[in-house]
C-alpha atoms as a PDB file:
ATOM      1  CA  MET A   1      10.837   0.729 -15.587  1.00  0.00           C
ATOM      2  CA  GLY A   2      10.479   4.493 -15.304  1.00  0.00           C
ATOM      3  CA  ILE A   3      13.405   6.778 -14.614  1.00  0.00           C
ATOM      4  CA  ILE A   4      15.226   4.564 -12.164  1.00  0.00           C
ATOM      5  CA  ALA A   5      18.876   4.063 -13.109  1.00  0.00           C
ATOM      6  CA  ALA A   6      20.694   0.765 -12.860  1.00  0.00           C
ATOM      7  CA  SER A   7      23.129   2.349 -10.438  1.00  0.00           C
ATOM      8  CA  ARG A   8      20.300   2.840  -7.928  1.00  0.00           C
ATOM      9  CA  LEU A   9      19.287  -0.800  -7.885  1.00  0.00           C
ATOM     10  CA  ARG A  10      20.421  -2.908  -5.021  1.00  0.00           C
ATOM     11  CA  ALA A  11      23.106  -5.519  -5.540  1.00  0.00           C
ATOM     12  CA  GLY A  12      22.067  -8.449  -7.703  1.00  0.00           C
ATOM     13  CA  ALA A  13      19.667  -8.808 -10.592  1.00  0.00           C
ATOM     14  CA  ARG A  14      16.429  -6.870 -10.471  1.00  0.00           C
ATOM     15  CA  ASN A  15      13.560  -9.113  -9.472  1.00  0.00           C
ATOM     16  CA  LEU A  16      11.111  -9.639 -12.330  1.00  0.00           C
ATOM     17  CA  MET A  17       8.093  -9.308 -10.045  1.00  0.00           C
ATOM     18  CA  PHE A  18       8.809  -5.547 -10.052  1.00  0.00           C
ATOM     19  CA  ASP A  19       8.836  -5.184 -13.851  1.00  0.00           C
ATOM     20  CA  ASN A  20       5.614  -3.167 -13.823  1.00  0.00           C
ATOM     21  CA  ALA A  21       6.278  -1.256 -10.627  1.00  0.00           C
ATOM     22  CA  VAL A  22       4.958   2.290 -10.953  1.00  0.00           C
ATOM     23  CA  ALA A  23       6.258   3.460  -7.574  1.00  0.00           C
ATOM     24  CA  TYR A  24       8.741   2.137  -5.031  1.00  0.00           C
ATOM     25  CA  TYR A  25       9.487   3.812  -1.703  1.00  0.00           C
ATOM     26  CA  ARG A  26      12.287   2.454   0.454  1.00  0.00           C
ATOM     27  CA  LEU A  27      11.414   5.008   3.150  1.00  0.00           C
ATOM     28  CA  ASP A  28      15.044   5.090   4.245  1.00  0.00           C
ATOM     29  CA  GLU A  29      15.522   8.857   3.951  1.00  0.00           C
ATOM     30  CA  THR A  30      16.267  10.963   6.998  1.00  0.00           C
ATOM     31  CA  THR A  31      15.579  14.351   5.373  1.00  0.00           C
ATOM     32  CA  GLY A  32      13.560  15.707   2.459  1.00  0.00           C
ATOM     33  CA  ASP A  33      10.801  13.952   0.549  1.00  0.00           C
ATOM     34  CA  ALA A  34       9.905  10.274   0.453  1.00  0.00           C
ATOM     35  CA  ILE A  35      11.669   9.264  -2.757  1.00  0.00           C
ATOM     36  CA  ASP A  36      10.017   7.119  -5.429  1.00  0.00           C
ATOM     37  CA  LEU A  37      12.737   5.167  -7.240  1.00  0.00           C
ATOM     38  CA  VAL A  38      10.629   4.443 -10.322  1.00  0.00           C
ATOM     39  CA  ASN A  39       8.792   7.514 -11.597  1.00  0.00           C
ATOM     40  CA  ALA A  40       9.802  10.206  -9.106  1.00  0.00           C
ATOM     41  CA  TYR A  41       6.318  10.329  -7.595  1.00  0.00           C
ATOM     42  CA  ASN A  42       7.961  11.671  -4.479  1.00  0.00           C
ATOM     43  CA  GLY A  43       5.895  12.095  -1.330  1.00  0.00           C
ATOM     44  CA  THR A  44       5.725  15.105   0.979  1.00  0.00           C
ATOM     45  CA  LEU A  45       5.565  14.624   4.730  1.00  0.00           C
ATOM     46  CA  ASN A  46       2.812  16.003   6.926  1.00  0.00           C
ATOM     47  CA  GLY A  47       3.142  16.150  10.695  1.00  0.00           C
ATOM     48  CA  SER A  48       5.979  15.020  12.930  1.00  0.00           C
ATOM     49  CA  ILE A  49       6.986  11.760  11.257  1.00  0.00           C
ATOM     50  CA  SER A  50      10.293  10.532  12.654  1.00  0.00           C
ATOM     51  CA  ARG A  51      12.854   8.792  10.438  1.00  0.00           C
ATOM     52  CA  ASN A  52      15.953   6.782  11.284  1.00  0.00           C
ATOM     53  CA  GLY A  53      17.183   5.648   7.856  1.00  0.00           C
ATOM     54  CA  GLU A  54      15.269   2.372   8.054  1.00  0.00           C
ATOM     55  CA  TYR A  55      11.667   3.220   8.962  1.00  0.00           C
ATOM     56  CA  TYR A  56       9.215   6.095   8.945  1.00  0.00           C
ATOM     57  CA  THR A  57       7.501   6.229  12.337  1.00  0.00           C
ATOM     58  CA  PHE A  58       3.969   7.606  12.679  1.00  0.00           C
ATOM     59  CA  ASP A  59       2.924   8.349  16.246  1.00  0.00           C
ATOM     60  CA  GLY A  60       0.232  11.017  16.183  1.00  0.00           C
ATOM     61  CA  ASP A  61      -2.787  12.509  14.461  1.00  0.00           C
ATOM     62  CA  ASN A  62      -2.507  13.832  10.911  1.00  0.00           C
ATOM     63  CA  GLU A  63       0.869  12.250  10.251  1.00  0.00           C
ATOM     64  CA  PHE A  64       1.057  10.959   6.695  1.00  0.00           C
ATOM     65  CA  VAL A  65       3.053  10.983   3.468  1.00  0.00           C
ATOM     66  CA  ASN A  66       1.165  12.565   0.559  1.00  0.00           C
ATOM     67  CA  ILE A  67       2.215  10.929  -2.707  1.00  0.00           C
ATOM     68  CA  GLY A  68      -0.318  12.740  -4.866  1.00  0.00           C
ATOM     69  CA  ASP A  69      -2.696  11.628  -7.602  1.00  0.00           C
ATOM     70  CA  GLU A  70      -1.364   9.801 -10.663  1.00  0.00           C
ATOM     71  CA  ASP A  71      -3.188   7.671 -13.226  1.00  0.00           C
ATOM     72  CA  ASN A  72      -0.669   4.940 -12.444  1.00  0.00           C
ATOM     73  CA  PHE A  73      -2.239   4.670  -8.982  1.00  0.00           C
ATOM     74  CA  SER A  74      -5.702   3.958 -10.438  1.00  0.00           C
ATOM     75  CA  PHE A  75      -6.063   0.339 -11.484  1.00  0.00           C
ATOM     76  CA  THR A  76      -7.825   0.789 -14.802  1.00  0.00           C
ATOM     77  CA  ASP A  77      -6.701   1.536 -18.355  1.00  0.00           C
ATOM     78  CA  GLY A  78      -9.805   3.603 -18.969  1.00  0.00           C
ATOM     79  CA  ASN A  79     -11.917   0.668 -20.090  1.00  0.00           C
ATOM     80  CA  ASN A  80     -10.839  -2.394 -18.136  1.00  0.00           C
ATOM     81  CA  ASN A  81      -9.335  -3.219 -14.780  1.00  0.00           C
ATOM     82  CA  THR A  82      -5.592  -3.787 -14.621  1.00  0.00           C
ATOM     83  CA  ASP A  83      -3.880  -6.329 -12.397  1.00  0.00           C
ATOM     84  CA  PHE A  84      -1.980  -4.758  -9.524  1.00  0.00           C
ATOM     85  CA  VAL A  85      -0.009  -5.190  -6.326  1.00  0.00           C
ATOM     86  CA  ILE A  86       0.189  -2.959  -3.258  1.00  0.00           C
ATOM     87  CA  LYS A  87       2.793  -4.174  -0.789  1.00  0.00           C
ATOM     88  CA  THR A  88       4.280  -2.622   2.326  1.00  0.00           C
ATOM     89  CA  GLU A  89       6.166  -3.518   5.487  1.00  0.00           C
ATOM     90  CA  VAL A  90       4.610  -2.388   8.754  1.00  0.00           C
ATOM     91  CA  ILE A  91       5.321  -2.560  12.467  1.00  0.00           C
ATOM     92  CA  PHE A  92       2.537  -1.659  14.895  1.00  0.00           C
ATOM     93  CA  ASP A  93       3.802   0.202  17.970  1.00  0.00           C
ATOM     94  CA  ALA A  94       0.332   0.591  19.495  1.00  0.00           C
ATOM     95  CA  PHE A  95      -3.338   0.627  18.527  1.00  0.00           C
ATOM     96  CA  ASN A  96      -5.379   3.789  18.662  1.00  0.00           C
ATOM     97  CA  SER A  97      -8.580   4.146  20.672  1.00  0.00           C
ATOM     98  CA  ASP A  98     -10.808   3.111  17.746  1.00  0.00           C
ATOM     99  CA  ASN A  99      -8.597   0.146  16.726  1.00  0.00           C
ATOM    100  CA  TYR A 100      -8.039   1.367  13.170  1.00  0.00           C
ATOM    101  CA  ALA A 101      -4.911   2.083  11.161  1.00  0.00           C
ATOM    102  CA  TRP A 102      -4.907   3.524   7.663  1.00  0.00           C
ATOM    103  CA  ILE A 103      -1.785   2.082   6.012  1.00  0.00           C
ATOM    104  CA  VAL A 104      -1.854   2.873   2.266  1.00  0.00           C
ATOM    105  CA  SER A 105      -4.875   4.524   0.705  1.00  0.00           C
ATOM    106  CA  LYS A 106      -6.252   6.518  -2.217  1.00  0.00           C
ATOM    107  CA  ARG A 107      -9.248   8.046  -0.544  1.00  0.00           C
ATOM    108  CA  GLN A 108      -9.474  11.755   0.073  1.00  0.00           C
ATOM    109  CA  SER A 109     -13.036  12.096   1.328  1.00  0.00           C
ATOM    110  CA  ASN A 110     -16.258  10.157   1.667  1.00  0.00           C
ATOM    111  CA  SER A 111     -17.172  11.249  -1.856  1.00  0.00           C
ATOM    112  CA  THR A 112     -13.767  10.893  -3.555  1.00  0.00           C
ATOM    113  CA  ARG A 113     -12.478   7.405  -2.923  1.00  0.00           C
ATOM    114  CA  GLU A 114     -10.736   4.669  -4.869  1.00  0.00           C
ATOM    115  CA  TRP A 115      -9.035   2.118  -2.600  1.00  0.00           C
ATOM    116  CA  GLN A 116      -7.624   1.605   0.877  1.00  0.00           C
ATOM    117  CA  LEU A 117      -5.438  -1.004   2.579  1.00  0.00           C
ATOM    118  CA  ILE A 118      -6.132  -0.774   6.296  1.00  0.00           C
ATOM    119  CA  TYR A 119      -6.107  -2.494   9.672  1.00  0.00           C
ATOM    120  CA  SER A 120      -9.583  -2.506  11.184  1.00  0.00           C
ATOM    121  CA  ASN A 121     -10.611  -4.217  14.428  1.00  0.00           C
ATOM    122  CA  ASP A 122      -8.427  -7.335  14.127  1.00  0.00           C
ATOM    123  CA  GLU A 123      -8.721  -7.560  10.365  1.00  0.00           C
ATOM    124  CA  LEU A 124      -6.518  -6.689   7.415  1.00  0.00           C
ATOM    125  CA  LYS A 125      -8.910  -5.162   4.930  1.00  0.00           C
ATOM    126  CA  PHE A 126      -8.828  -3.869   1.372  1.00  0.00           C
ATOM    127  CA  ASN A 127     -11.678  -1.843  -0.107  1.00  0.00           C
ATOM    128  CA  ILE A 128     -11.850  -0.757  -3.734  1.00  0.00           C
ATOM    129  CA  TRP A 129     -14.533   1.384  -5.384  1.00  0.00           C
ATOM    130  CA  ASN A 130     -16.047   1.186  -8.849  1.00  0.00           C
ATOM    131  CA  THR A 131     -17.356   3.766 -11.296  1.00  0.00           C
ATOM    132  CA  THR A 132     -20.773   3.862  -9.586  1.00  0.00           C
ATOM    133  CA  ASP A 133     -19.208   4.438  -6.124  1.00  0.00           C
ATOM    134  CA  SER A 134     -19.983   0.942  -4.893  1.00  0.00           C
ATOM    135  CA  PHE A 135     -17.183  -0.842  -3.109  1.00  0.00           C
ATOM    136  CA  PHE A 136     -15.857  -4.374  -2.872  1.00  0.00           C
ATOM    137  CA  THR A 137     -14.133  -5.637   0.259  1.00  0.00           C
ATOM    138  CA  VAL A 138     -11.710  -8.456   0.920  1.00  0.00           C
ATOM    139  CA  ASP A 139     -10.618  -9.045   4.509  1.00  0.00           C
ATOM    140  CA  THR A 140      -8.914 -11.558   6.756  1.00  0.00           C
ATOM    141  CA  LEU A 141      -8.236 -12.039  10.450  1.00  0.00           C
ATOM    142  CA  PHE A 142      -5.125 -10.087  11.488  1.00  0.00           C
ATOM    143  CA  ILE A 143      -4.117  -9.592  15.110  1.00  0.00           C
ATOM    144  CA  PRO A 144      -0.662  -8.017  14.962  1.00  0.00           C
ATOM    145  CA  THR A 145       1.889  -8.408  17.722  1.00  0.00           C
ATOM    146  CA  ILE A 146       3.210  -5.046  18.906  1.00  0.00           C
ATOM    147  CA  GLY A 147       6.751  -4.499  17.670  1.00  0.00           C
ATOM    148  CA  GLN A 148       6.743  -7.280  15.077  1.00  0.00           C
ATOM    149  CA  LYS A 149       7.354  -6.593  11.384  1.00  0.00           C
ATOM    150  CA  TYR A 150       4.762  -7.774   8.881  1.00  0.00           C
ATOM    151  CA  ILE A 151       5.031  -7.835   5.092  1.00  0.00           C
ATOM    152  CA  ILE A 152       1.470  -7.329   3.898  1.00  0.00           C
ATOM    153  CA  GLY A 153      -0.355  -6.497   0.717  1.00  0.00           C
ATOM    154  CA  VAL A 154      -3.035  -7.092  -1.856  1.00  0.00           C
ATOM    155  CA  THR A 155      -2.900  -8.301  -5.439  1.00  0.00           C
ATOM    156  CA  LEU A 156      -5.315  -8.692  -8.328  1.00  0.00           C
ATOM    157  CA  ASN A 157      -4.933 -11.444 -10.933  1.00  0.00           C
ATOM    158  CA  GLY A 158      -7.761 -11.265 -13.448  1.00  0.00           C
ATOM    159  CA  THR A 159     -10.876 -11.218 -11.272  1.00  0.00           C
ATOM    160  CA  SER A 160      -9.198 -12.824  -8.244  1.00  0.00           C
ATOM    161  CA  ILE A 161      -8.157 -10.425  -5.499  1.00  0.00           C
ATOM    162  CA  SER A 162      -6.001 -11.708  -2.637  1.00  0.00           C
ATOM    163  CA  LEU A 163      -4.653 -10.429   0.660  1.00  0.00           C
ATOM    164  CA  PHE A 164      -1.291 -11.713   1.805  1.00  0.00           C
ATOM    165  CA  ILE A 165       0.619 -11.599   5.083  1.00  0.00           C
ATOM    166  CA  ASP A 166       4.236 -12.710   5.524  1.00  0.00           C
ATOM    167  CA  GLY A 167       4.509 -14.675   2.301  1.00  0.00           C
ATOM    168  CA  VAL A 168       1.143 -16.443   2.504  1.00  0.00           C
ATOM    169  CA  ILE A 169      -2.111 -15.694   0.693  1.00  0.00           C
ATOM    170  CA  GLU A 170      -4.679 -15.489   3.486  1.00  0.00           C
ATOM    171  CA  VAL A 171      -7.838 -15.017   1.445  1.00  0.00           C
ATOM    172  CA  THR A 172      -8.908 -14.741  -2.195  1.00  0.00           C
ATOM    173  CA  GLU A 173     -12.203 -13.335  -3.422  1.00  0.00           C
ATOM    174  CA  THR A 174     -13.695 -12.962  -6.896  1.00  0.00           C
ATOM    175  CA  LEU A 175     -14.724  -9.541  -8.134  1.00  0.00           C
ATOM    176  CA  PRO A 176     -18.372  -9.249  -9.195  1.00  0.00           C
ATOM    177  CA  ASN A 177     -19.036  -9.410 -12.908  1.00  0.00           C
ATOM    178  CA  GLY A 178     -18.793  -5.943 -14.453  1.00  0.00           C
ATOM    179  CA  PHE A 179     -17.126  -4.337 -11.412  1.00  0.00           C
ATOM    180  CA  THR A 180     -14.954  -1.658 -13.053  1.00  0.00           C
ATOM    181  CA  PHE A 181     -12.485   0.260 -10.916  1.00  0.00           C
ATOM    182  CA  TYR A 182     -12.759   4.033 -10.596  1.00  0.00           C
ATOM    183  CA  ASN A 183     -10.088   6.503 -11.672  1.00  0.00           C
ATOM    184  CA  GLY A 184     -10.596   9.556  -9.497  1.00  0.00           C
ATOM    185  CA  THR A 185      -8.640  12.483  -8.104  1.00  0.00           C
ATOM    186  CA  SER A 186      -7.828  11.276  -4.586  1.00  0.00           C
ATOM    187  CA  VAL A 187      -4.192  11.400  -3.537  1.00  0.00           C
ATOM    188  CA  VAL A 188      -2.314   8.371  -2.278  1.00  0.00           C
ATOM    189  CA  LYS A 189      -1.290   8.572   1.365  1.00  0.00           C
ATOM    190  CA  LEU A 190       0.891   6.479   3.619  1.00  0.00           C
ATOM    191  CA  GLY A 191      -0.249   6.602   7.223  1.00  0.00           C
ATOM    192  CA  ASP A 192      -3.078   8.592   8.775  1.00  0.00           C
ATOM    193  CA  GLU A 193      -6.196   9.388   6.774  1.00  0.00           C
ATOM    194  CA  THR A 194      -7.965  12.687   7.361  1.00  0.00           C
ATOM    195  CA  PHE A 195     -11.345  12.388   5.627  1.00  0.00           C
ATOM    196  CA  VAL A 196     -13.252  11.976   8.893  1.00  0.00           C
ATOM    197  CA  SER A 197     -12.767  13.501  12.329  1.00  0.00           C
ATOM    198  CA  SER A 198     -15.219  11.423  14.367  1.00  0.00           C
ATOM    199  CA  ILE A 199     -13.060   8.250  14.240  1.00  0.00           C
ATOM    200  CA  ASN A 200      -9.364   7.883  15.006  1.00  0.00           C
ATOM    201  CA  LEU A 201      -7.756   6.379  11.885  1.00  0.00           C
ATOM    202  CA  ASN A 202      -4.089   7.161  12.426  1.00  0.00           C
ATOM    203  CA  LEU A 203      -1.391   4.535  12.185  1.00  0.00           C
ATOM    204  CA  LEU A 204       0.717   4.210  15.329  1.00  0.00           C
ATOM    205  CA  GLY A 205       3.705   2.410  13.932  1.00  0.00           C
ATOM    206  CA  LYS A 206       6.391   2.175  11.284  1.00  0.00           C
ATOM    207  CA  LEU A 207       6.466   1.741   7.502  1.00  0.00           C
ATOM    208  CA  LYS A 208       9.193   0.852   5.021  1.00  0.00           C
ATOM    209  CA  GLU A 209       9.626  -0.728   1.548  1.00  0.00           C
ATOM    210  CA  THR A 210       6.302   0.185  -0.071  1.00  0.00           C
ATOM    211  CA  VAL A 211       5.642  -0.708  -3.713  1.00  0.00           C
ATOM    212  CA  ILE A 212       2.765  -0.252  -6.156  1.00  0.00           C
ATOM    213  CA  VAL A 213       2.680  -2.426  -9.284  1.00  0.00           C
ATOM    214  CA  LYS A 214       0.231  -1.851 -12.139  1.00  0.00           C
ATOM    215  CA  GLY A 215      -0.077  -4.251 -15.048  1.00  0.00           C
ATOM    216  CA  ASN A 216       0.540  -7.579 -13.376  1.00  0.00           C
ATOM    217  CA  GLY A 217      -0.380  -9.326 -10.167  1.00  0.00           C
ATOM    218  CA  TRP A 218       1.749 -11.539  -7.957  1.00  0.00           C
ATOM    219  CA  THR A 219       1.409 -15.295  -7.858  1.00  0.00           C
ATOM    220  CA  ALA A 220       1.569 -17.252  -4.625  1.00  0.00           C
ATOM    221  CA  GLN A 221       5.199 -18.024  -5.447  1.00  0.00           C
ATOM    222  CA  ASN A 222       5.975 -14.334  -6.027  1.00  0.00           C
ATOM    223  CA  ILE A 223       4.479 -13.542  -2.636  1.00  0.00           C
ATOM    224  CA  THR A 224       6.518 -16.247  -0.922  1.00  0.00           C
ATOM    225  CA  ASP A 225       9.672 -15.127  -2.730  1.00  0.00           C
ATOM    226  CA  ASN A 226       9.076 -11.513  -1.772  1.00  0.00           C
ATOM    227  CA  TYR A 227       8.670 -12.433   1.880  1.00  0.00           C
ATOM    228  CA  ASN A 228      12.037 -14.223   1.725  1.00  0.00           C
ATOM    229  CA  ASN A 229      11.841 -15.611   5.269  1.00  0.00           C
ATOM    230  CA  GLY A 230      11.070 -12.153   6.615  1.00  0.00           C
ATOM    231  CA  ASN A 231      13.987 -10.449   4.894  1.00  0.00           C
ATOM    232  CA  GLY A 232      12.020  -9.225   1.899  1.00  0.00           C
ATOM    233  CA  ILE A 233      13.202  -8.861  -1.675  1.00  0.00           C
ATOM    234  CA  THR A 234      13.688  -5.285  -2.759  1.00  0.00           C
ATOM    235  CA  TYR A 235      13.573  -3.454  -6.041  1.00  0.00           C
END
């Protein structure tokens, strides 16, 4: 459970779906770093991100939170893949000219890349790379309404990788046999990605309540419970 103290947990019993959380960001700060409540993998802010105690708002180029590179953010134990969850809450305020939005990613360049959860041309998409720099993609139709909150994410259970939106698994794909995830040196970022200048990738919107779990996936019931009729269940 990392360094988080019981006094920092929200009221009520800790939800077991977060037992293997390696990072949890409420994104409710108004000054300083983005605080990780689990392992103190705190994130530094780049650009003019605005904060109101509930959301981080990204509204321009090169605005992102840099969380850094940790082995806990690479979904392998050195030999085998590990189950995982990446979950966040997002509100789209607008769509950029290229209709992309990098949401949570561990991809620092076109040659150093591990995974990315993104919005791309009316799809929610997750890409993950293996040790030979090939990638696997799972995607689903996603046409967000401006100003509406969505609880979105991706989870791996064994070889089954699923995207979920607002408490519902939208699509599940099976990883190819022998597809072993890569552990590289890319940093994790929330918001805009900066590895390419020819395409506009910045998120124009808000983020809050972002969690990374390594060591277990979420079941369909976990995902429904976490959505909690749009209220979410927090760490």
